[in-house]
Amino acid sequence: MNSKVFNQIPLYRFLKFCEDAESASKNKTILDCGAGGNRPPLSLFHDYGYTTTGVELSIEQVEMANAYGRENHQNLNILEGDMTQLKFEDASFDFVYSYNSIFHMKKVEIEKSIKEMKRVLKPGGLMFVNFLSVDDFRCGEGPHLGENQYEQTDDEPVIHSYFDYDEAEKYFKDMTFVLKERRIIERIFEGARIKQGFIDYILRK
């Protein structure tokens, strides 16, 4: 088993809910929307016996994630793909999540992505998704694209969409509420104390 601790801490809570779910199939299938990077958290779920699949827009990020899987003797099955148009059949996965990814697009695309995540989730399955909140220190920076949406620069220009506490509720009216958490994290970044804001959801289809 991979002994590394992943920094996507809320996914450990989601993993616990997944482990306790009675609706999961024998194979415990899970989809990560936004699955790239050099330490993909799908590895955590693979360690617990899940059949993993991921989609990621950047082929470079896909290659990094799959290389990590190979180094750790895991077939993570991370594919190049767009979460607004998932190329999977309806009700394909027991569990679906998107961690720190879905808010890197405009809200109209976020709505499409959530509809797609719900579509590929099996009845009774669990979904995790998190949003940037207006509590975040960067909310308001950069060119304004409307409705607390901004073009901001990380390594390159990227869209960040920020949400009021109850703003995302409209996306989940057809789901069963399981858990919601507002997280405000203060930490040191590049020598300055910053405040990050997130809103996490776990829901059942």
C-alpha atoms as a PDB file:
ATOM      1  CA  MET A   1       0.000   0.000   0.000  1.00  0.00           C
ATOM      2  CA  ASN A   2       1.159   3.533  -0.785  1.00  0.00           C
ATOM      3  CA  SER A   3       2.136   5.076   2.574  1.00  0.00           C
ATOM      4  CA  LYS A   4       2.123   8.726   1.453  1.00  0.00           C
ATOM      5  CA  VAL A   5      -0.297  11.175   3.042  1.00  0.00           C
ATOM      6  CA  PHE A   6      -2.161  13.301   0.506  1.00  0.00           C
ATOM      7  CA  ASN A   7      -2.790  16.986   1.144  1.00  0.00           C
ATOM      8  CA  GLN A   8      -6.391  16.850  -0.117  1.00  0.00           C
ATOM      9  CA  ILE A   9      -7.577  16.301   3.446  1.00  0.00           C
ATOM     10  CA  PRO A  10     -11.376  16.571   2.817  1.00  0.00           C
ATOM     11  CA  LEU A  11     -11.130  13.538   0.530  1.00  0.00           C
ATOM     12  CA  TYR A  12     -10.252  11.372   3.538  1.00  0.00           C
ATOM     13  CA  ARG A  13     -13.675  12.214   4.962  1.00  0.00           C
ATOM     14  CA  PHE A  14     -15.278  11.434   1.598  1.00  0.00           C
ATOM     15  CA  LEU A  15     -13.397   8.121   1.548  1.00  0.00           C
ATOM     16  CA  LYS A  16     -14.904   7.279   4.949  1.00  0.00           C
ATOM     17  CA  PHE A  17     -18.425   7.970   3.639  1.00  0.00           C
ATOM     18  CA  CYS A  18     -17.677   5.855   0.557  1.00  0.00           C
ATOM     19  CA  GLU A  19     -16.410   2.992   2.717  1.00  0.00           C
ATOM     20  CA  ASP A  20     -19.614   3.116   4.787  1.00  0.00           C
ATOM     21  CA  ALA A  21     -21.946   3.313   1.755  1.00  0.00           C
ATOM     22  CA  GLU A  22     -24.288   0.371   1.311  1.00  0.00           C
ATOM     23  CA  SER A  23     -24.971   1.216  -2.348  1.00  0.00           C
ATOM     24  CA  ALA A  24     -21.428   0.546  -3.634  1.00  0.00           C
ATOM     25  CA  SER A  25     -20.923  -2.248  -6.132  1.00  0.00           C
ATOM     26  CA  LYS A  26     -18.410  -5.008  -5.524  1.00  0.00           C
ATOM     27  CA  ASN A  27     -15.816  -3.162  -7.633  1.00  0.00           C
ATOM     28  CA  LYS A  28     -16.329   0.206  -5.855  1.00  0.00           C
ATOM     29  CA  THR A  29     -15.951   2.325  -9.004  1.00  0.00           C
ATOM     30  CA  ILE A  30     -14.927   5.965  -8.583  1.00  0.00           C
ATOM     31  CA  LEU A  31     -14.417   8.888 -10.973  1.00  0.00           C
ATOM     32  CA  ASP A  32     -12.212  11.922 -10.296  1.00  0.00           C
ATOM     33  CA  CYS A  33     -13.058  14.993 -12.406  1.00  0.00           C
ATOM     34  CA  GLY A  34      -9.868  17.033 -12.525  1.00  0.00           C
ATOM     35  CA  ALA A  35      -7.559  14.126 -11.793  1.00  0.00           C
ATOM     36  CA  GLY A  36      -4.163  15.293 -13.018  1.00  0.00           C
ATOM     37  CA  GLY A  37      -0.972  16.227 -11.212  1.00  0.00           C
ATOM     38  CA  ASN A  38       2.137  14.636  -9.838  1.00  0.00           C
ATOM     39  CA  ARG A  39       0.394  13.244  -6.719  1.00  0.00           C
ATOM     40  CA  PRO A  40      -3.148  12.328  -7.840  1.00  0.00           C
ATOM     41  CA  PRO A  41      -5.484  11.592  -4.917  1.00  0.00           C
ATOM     42  CA  LEU A  42      -7.056   8.751  -6.910  1.00  0.00           C
ATOM     43  CA  SER A  43      -4.032   6.821  -5.632  1.00  0.00           C
ATOM     44  CA  LEU A  44      -5.561   6.978  -2.143  1.00  0.00           C
ATOM     45  CA  PHE A  45      -8.788   5.364  -3.347  1.00  0.00           C
ATOM     46  CA  HIS A  46      -6.876   2.762  -5.345  1.00  0.00           C
ATOM     47  CA  ASP A  47      -5.092   1.753  -2.132  1.00  0.00           C
ATOM     48  CA  TYR A  48      -8.495   1.006  -0.595  1.00  0.00           C
ATOM     49  CA  GLY A  49      -9.542  -1.303  -3.415  1.00  0.00           C
ATOM     50  CA  TYR A  50     -11.440   1.101  -5.667  1.00  0.00           C
ATOM     51  CA  THR A  51     -11.552   0.740  -9.442  1.00  0.00           C
ATOM     52  CA  THR A  52     -10.393   4.224 -10.389  1.00  0.00           C
ATOM     53  CA  THR A  53     -10.978   6.445 -13.411  1.00  0.00           C
ATOM     54  CA  GLY A  54     -10.038  10.088 -13.823  1.00  0.00           C
ATOM     55  CA  VAL A  55     -10.510  12.809 -16.396  1.00  0.00           C
ATOM     56  CA  GLU A  56      -8.200  15.793 -16.846  1.00  0.00           C
ATOM     57  CA  LEU A  57      -8.168  18.511 -19.511  1.00  0.00           C
ATOM     58  CA  SER A  58      -4.375  18.895 -19.673  1.00  0.00           C
ATOM     59  CA  ILE A  59      -2.531  16.023 -21.343  1.00  0.00           C
ATOM     60  CA  GLU A  60       0.629  17.042 -19.465  1.00  0.00           C
ATOM     61  CA  GLN A  61      -1.220  16.642 -16.159  1.00  0.00           C
ATOM     62  CA  VAL A  62      -2.635  13.301 -17.336  1.00  0.00           C
ATOM     63  CA  GLU A  63       0.843  12.005 -18.117  1.00  0.00           C
ATOM     64  CA  MET A  64       2.186  13.118 -14.730  1.00  0.00           C
ATOM     65  CA  ALA A  65      -0.676  11.440 -12.882  1.00  0.00           C
ATOM     66  CA  ASN A  66      -0.368   8.141 -14.729  1.00  0.00           C
ATOM     67  CA  ALA A  67       3.411   8.172 -14.275  1.00  0.00           C
ATOM     68  CA  TYR A  68       2.819   8.474 -10.518  1.00  0.00           C
ATOM     69  CA  GLY A  69       0.466   5.512 -10.730  1.00  0.00           C
ATOM     70  CA  ARG A  70       3.023   3.381 -12.568  1.00  0.00           C
ATOM     71  CA  GLU A  71       5.730   4.279 -10.040  1.00  0.00           C
ATOM     72  CA  ASN A  72       3.421   3.037  -7.297  1.00  0.00           C
ATOM     73  CA  HIS A  73       2.242  -0.070  -9.202  1.00  0.00           C
ATOM     74  CA  GLN A  74      -1.275   1.313  -9.681  1.00  0.00           C
ATOM     75  CA  ASN A  75      -3.405   1.521 -12.817  1.00  0.00           C
ATOM     76  CA  LEU A  76      -5.199   4.778 -12.045  1.00  0.00           C
ATOM     77  CA  ASN A  77      -6.750   5.011 -15.533  1.00  0.00           C
ATOM     78  CA  ILE A  78      -6.565   8.806 -15.835  1.00  0.00           C
ATOM     79  CA  LEU A  79      -7.708  10.004 -19.245  1.00  0.00           C
ATOM     80  CA  GLU A  80      -7.685  13.255 -21.183  1.00  0.00           C
ATOM     81  CA  GLY A  81     -11.226  14.602 -21.001  1.00  0.00           C
ATOM     82  CA  ASP A  82     -13.572  17.490 -20.289  1.00  0.00           C
ATOM     83  CA  MET A  83     -15.796  17.297 -17.218  1.00  0.00           C
ATOM     84  CA  THR A  84     -18.457  19.371 -18.988  1.00  0.00           C
ATOM     85  CA  GLN A  85     -18.831  16.491 -21.490  1.00  0.00           C
ATOM     86  CA  LEU A  86     -18.014  13.223 -19.774  1.00  0.00           C
ATOM     87  CA  LYS A  87     -17.640  10.334 -22.214  1.00  0.00           C
ATOM     88  CA  PHE A  88     -19.173   7.707 -19.948  1.00  0.00           C
ATOM     89  CA  GLU A  89     -22.549   5.991 -19.917  1.00  0.00           C
ATOM     90  CA  ASP A  90     -25.277   7.034 -17.496  1.00  0.00           C
ATOM     91  CA  ALA A  91     -24.920   5.543 -14.009  1.00  0.00           C
ATOM     92  CA  SER A  92     -21.364   4.270 -14.599  1.00  0.00           C
ATOM     93  CA  PHE A  93     -19.793   4.986 -11.194  1.00  0.00           C
ATOM     94  CA  ASP A  94     -20.550   4.297  -7.541  1.00  0.00           C
ATOM     95  CA  PHE A  95     -18.756   7.492  -6.503  1.00  0.00           C
ATOM     96  CA  VAL A  96     -17.778  10.725  -8.257  1.00  0.00           C
ATOM     97  CA  TYR A  97     -15.765  13.668  -6.985  1.00  0.00           C
ATOM     98  CA  SER A  98     -14.106  16.888  -8.057  1.00  0.00           C
ATOM     99  CA  TYR A  99     -11.620  18.417  -5.629  1.00  0.00           C
ATOM    100  CA  ASN A 100     -10.223  21.945  -6.160  1.00  0.00           C
ATOM    101  CA  SER A 101     -10.993  21.746  -9.852  1.00  0.00           C
ATOM    102  CA  ILE A 102     -14.547  22.644 -10.790  1.00  0.00           C
ATOM    103  CA  PHE A 103     -14.172  26.301  -9.797  1.00  0.00           C
ATOM    104  CA  HIS A 104     -11.510  26.856 -12.485  1.00  0.00           C
ATOM    105  CA  MET A 105     -14.235  27.696 -15.000  1.00  0.00           C
ATOM    106  CA  LYS A 106     -17.202  30.014 -15.427  1.00  0.00           C
ATOM    107  CA  LYS A 107     -20.359  29.226 -13.497  1.00  0.00           C
ATOM    108  CA  VAL A 108     -22.286  28.235 -16.628  1.00  0.00           C
ATOM    109  CA  GLU A 109     -19.645  25.543 -17.222  1.00  0.00           C
ATOM    110  CA  ILE A 110     -19.695  24.549 -13.556  1.00  0.00           C
ATOM    111  CA  GLU A 111     -23.418  23.854 -13.860  1.00  0.00           C
ATOM    112  CA  LYS A 112     -22.806  21.677 -16.934  1.00  0.00           C
ATOM    113  CA  SER A 113     -20.065  19.771 -15.117  1.00  0.00           C
ATOM    114  CA  ILE A 114     -22.254  19.060 -12.097  1.00  0.00           C
ATOM    115  CA  LYS A 115     -25.050  17.803 -14.368  1.00  0.00           C
ATOM    116  CA  GLU A 116     -22.546  15.468 -16.022  1.00  0.00           C
ATOM    117  CA  MET A 117     -21.217  14.243 -12.675  1.00  0.00           C
ATOM    118  CA  LYS A 118     -24.763  13.479 -11.561  1.00  0.00           C
ATOM    119  CA  ARG A 119     -25.543  11.748 -14.854  1.00  0.00           C
ATOM    120  CA  VAL A 120     -22.669   9.254 -14.600  1.00  0.00           C
ATOM    121  CA  LEU A 121     -23.288   8.577 -10.893  1.00  0.00           C
ATOM    122  CA  LYS A 122     -25.306   5.484 -10.014  1.00  0.00           C
ATOM    123  CA  PRO A 123     -28.570   5.860  -8.071  1.00  0.00           C
ATOM    124  CA  GLY A 124     -27.662   5.845  -4.395  1.00  0.00           C
ATOM    125  CA  GLY A 125     -24.085   6.843  -5.205  1.00  0.00           C
ATOM    126  CA  LEU A 126     -22.149   9.588  -3.428  1.00  0.00           C
ATOM    127  CA  MET A 127     -20.660  12.750  -4.887  1.00  0.00           C
ATOM    128  CA  PHE A 128     -18.115  15.169  -3.424  1.00  0.00           C
ATOM    129  CA  VAL A 129     -17.553  18.615  -4.897  1.00  0.00           C
ATOM    130  CA  ASN A 130     -16.041  21.781  -3.475  1.00  0.00           C
ATOM    131  CA  PHE A 131     -16.239  25.438  -4.419  1.00  0.00           C
ATOM    132  CA  LEU A 132     -14.185  28.537  -3.721  1.00  0.00           C
ATOM    133  CA  SER A 133     -16.086  30.846  -1.383  1.00  0.00           C
ATOM    134  CA  VAL A 134     -16.277  34.626  -1.360  1.00  0.00           C
ATOM    135  CA  ASP A 135     -14.313  34.457   1.912  1.00  0.00           C
ATOM    136  CA  ASP A 136     -11.180  33.730  -0.111  1.00  0.00           C
ATOM    137  CA  PHE A 137      -8.465  36.405  -0.095  1.00  0.00           C
ATOM    138  CA  ARG A 138      -8.348  36.525  -3.905  1.00  0.00           C
ATOM    139  CA  CYS A 139     -12.048  37.114  -4.470  1.00  0.00           C
ATOM    140  CA  GLY A 140     -12.291  40.444  -6.292  1.00  0.00           C
ATOM    141  CA  GLU A 141      -8.841  40.388  -7.868  1.00  0.00           C
ATOM    142  CA  GLY A 142      -8.267  40.565 -11.615  1.00  0.00           C
ATOM    143  CA  PRO A 143     -10.579  41.246 -14.571  1.00  0.00           C
ATOM    144  CA  HIS A 144     -14.195  40.750 -13.499  1.00  0.00           C
ATOM    145  CA  LEU A 145     -16.220  38.309 -15.621  1.00  0.00           C
ATOM    146  CA  GLY A 146     -19.486  38.758 -13.700  1.00  0.00           C
ATOM    147  CA  GLU A 147     -21.067  36.982 -10.696  1.00  0.00           C
ATOM    148  CA  ASN A 148     -17.843  36.788  -8.655  1.00  0.00           C
ATOM    149  CA  GLN A 149     -15.942  35.265 -11.568  1.00  0.00           C
ATOM    150  CA  TYR A 150     -12.440  36.579 -12.256  1.00  0.00           C
ATOM    151  CA  GLU A 151      -9.516  35.935 -14.528  1.00  0.00           C
ATOM    152  CA  GLN A 152      -6.519  35.523 -12.246  1.00  0.00           C
ATOM    153  CA  THR A 153      -2.950  34.381 -12.666  1.00  0.00           C
ATOM    154  CA  ASP A 154      -1.428  31.289 -11.099  1.00  0.00           C
ATOM    155  CA  ASP A 155       1.327  29.914 -13.299  1.00  0.00           C
ATOM    156  CA  GLU A 156      -0.791  31.174 -16.187  1.00  0.00           C
ATOM    157  CA  PRO A 157      -4.122  33.029 -16.557  1.00  0.00           C
ATOM    158  CA  VAL A 158      -6.997  30.969 -15.123  1.00  0.00           C
ATOM    159  CA  ILE A 159     -10.636  31.589 -14.239  1.00  0.00           C
ATOM    160  CA  HIS A 160     -11.685  31.414 -10.602  1.00  0.00           C
ATOM    161  CA  SER A 161     -15.372  31.407  -9.673  1.00  0.00           C
ATOM    162  CA  TYR A 162     -16.325  32.260  -6.090  1.00  0.00           C
ATOM    163  CA  PHE A 163     -19.583  31.292  -4.371  1.00  0.00           C
ATOM    164  CA  ASP A 164     -21.738  32.665  -1.574  1.00  0.00           C
ATOM    165  CA  TYR A 165     -22.493  30.101   1.112  1.00  0.00           C
ATOM    166  CA  ASP A 166     -25.853  28.927  -0.291  1.00  0.00           C
ATOM    167  CA  GLU A 167     -25.301  29.791  -3.952  1.00  0.00           C
ATOM    168  CA  ALA A 168     -24.535  26.228  -5.088  1.00  0.00           C
ATOM    169  CA  GLU A 169     -27.630  24.740  -3.426  1.00  0.00           C
ATOM    170  CA  LYS A 170     -29.569  25.111  -6.701  1.00  0.00           C
ATOM    171  CA  TYR A 171     -27.338  22.504  -8.347  1.00  0.00           C
ATOM    172  CA  PHE A 172     -28.328  19.805  -5.866  1.00  0.00           C
ATOM    173  CA  LYS A 173     -32.116  20.064  -5.521  1.00  0.00           C
ATOM    174  CA  ASP A 174     -32.494  16.593  -7.056  1.00  0.00           C
ATOM    175  CA  MET A 175     -29.986  15.013  -4.644  1.00  0.00           C
ATOM    176  CA  THR A 176     -30.061  14.003  -0.987  1.00  0.00           C
ATOM    177  CA  PHE A 177     -28.005  16.191   1.319  1.00  0.00           C
ATOM    178  CA  VAL A 178     -25.308  14.367   3.309  1.00  0.00           C
ATOM    179  CA  LEU A 179     -22.787  16.983   4.453  1.00  0.00           C
ATOM    180  CA  LYS A 180     -21.783  20.585   3.866  1.00  0.00           C
ATOM    181  CA  GLU A 181     -18.805  22.404   5.336  1.00  0.00           C
ATOM    182  CA  ARG A 182     -17.482  25.938   5.032  1.00  0.00           C
ATOM    183  CA  ARG A 183     -13.715  25.908   5.435  1.00  0.00           C
ATOM    184  CA  ILE A 184     -11.663  29.034   6.047  1.00  0.00           C
ATOM    185  CA  ILE A 185      -7.953  28.325   6.159  1.00  0.00           C
ATOM    186  CA  GLU A 186      -5.304  30.838   7.156  1.00  0.00           C
ATOM    187  CA  ARG A 187      -1.721  30.022   6.253  1.00  0.00           C
ATOM    188  CA  ILE A 188       1.588  31.570   5.240  1.00  0.00           C
ATOM    189  CA  PHE A 189       2.085  31.879   1.481  1.00  0.00           C
ATOM    190  CA  GLU A 190       5.150  33.553  -0.001  1.00  0.00           C
ATOM    191  CA  GLY A 191       5.861  35.185   3.362  1.00  0.00           C
ATOM    192  CA  ALA A 192       2.362  36.606   3.838  1.00  0.00           C
ATOM    193  CA  ARG A 193      -0.588  35.408   5.916  1.00  0.00           C
ATOM    194  CA  ILE A 194      -3.474  34.597   3.589  1.00  0.00           C
ATOM    195  CA  LYS A 195      -7.055  33.378   4.003  1.00  0.00           C
ATOM    196  CA  GLN A 196      -8.532  30.741   1.713  1.00  0.00           C
ATOM    197  CA  GLY A 197     -12.241  29.942   1.601  1.00  0.00           C
ATOM    198  CA  PHE A 198     -13.979  26.757   0.450  1.00  0.00           C
ATOM    199  CA  ILE A 199     -17.456  25.203   0.574  1.00  0.00           C
ATOM    200  CA  ASP A 200     -17.511  21.388   0.486  1.00  0.00           C
ATOM    201  CA  TYR A 201     -20.490  19.175  -0.314  1.00  0.00           C
ATOM    202  CA  ILE A 202     -21.170  15.458  -0.042  1.00  0.00           C
ATOM    203  CA  LEU A 203     -24.453  14.404  -1.652  1.00  0.00           C
ATOM    204  CA  ARG A 204     -26.306  11.219  -2.573  1.00  0.00           C
ATOM    205  CA  LYS A 205     -28.075  10.656  -5.874  1.00  0.00           C
END
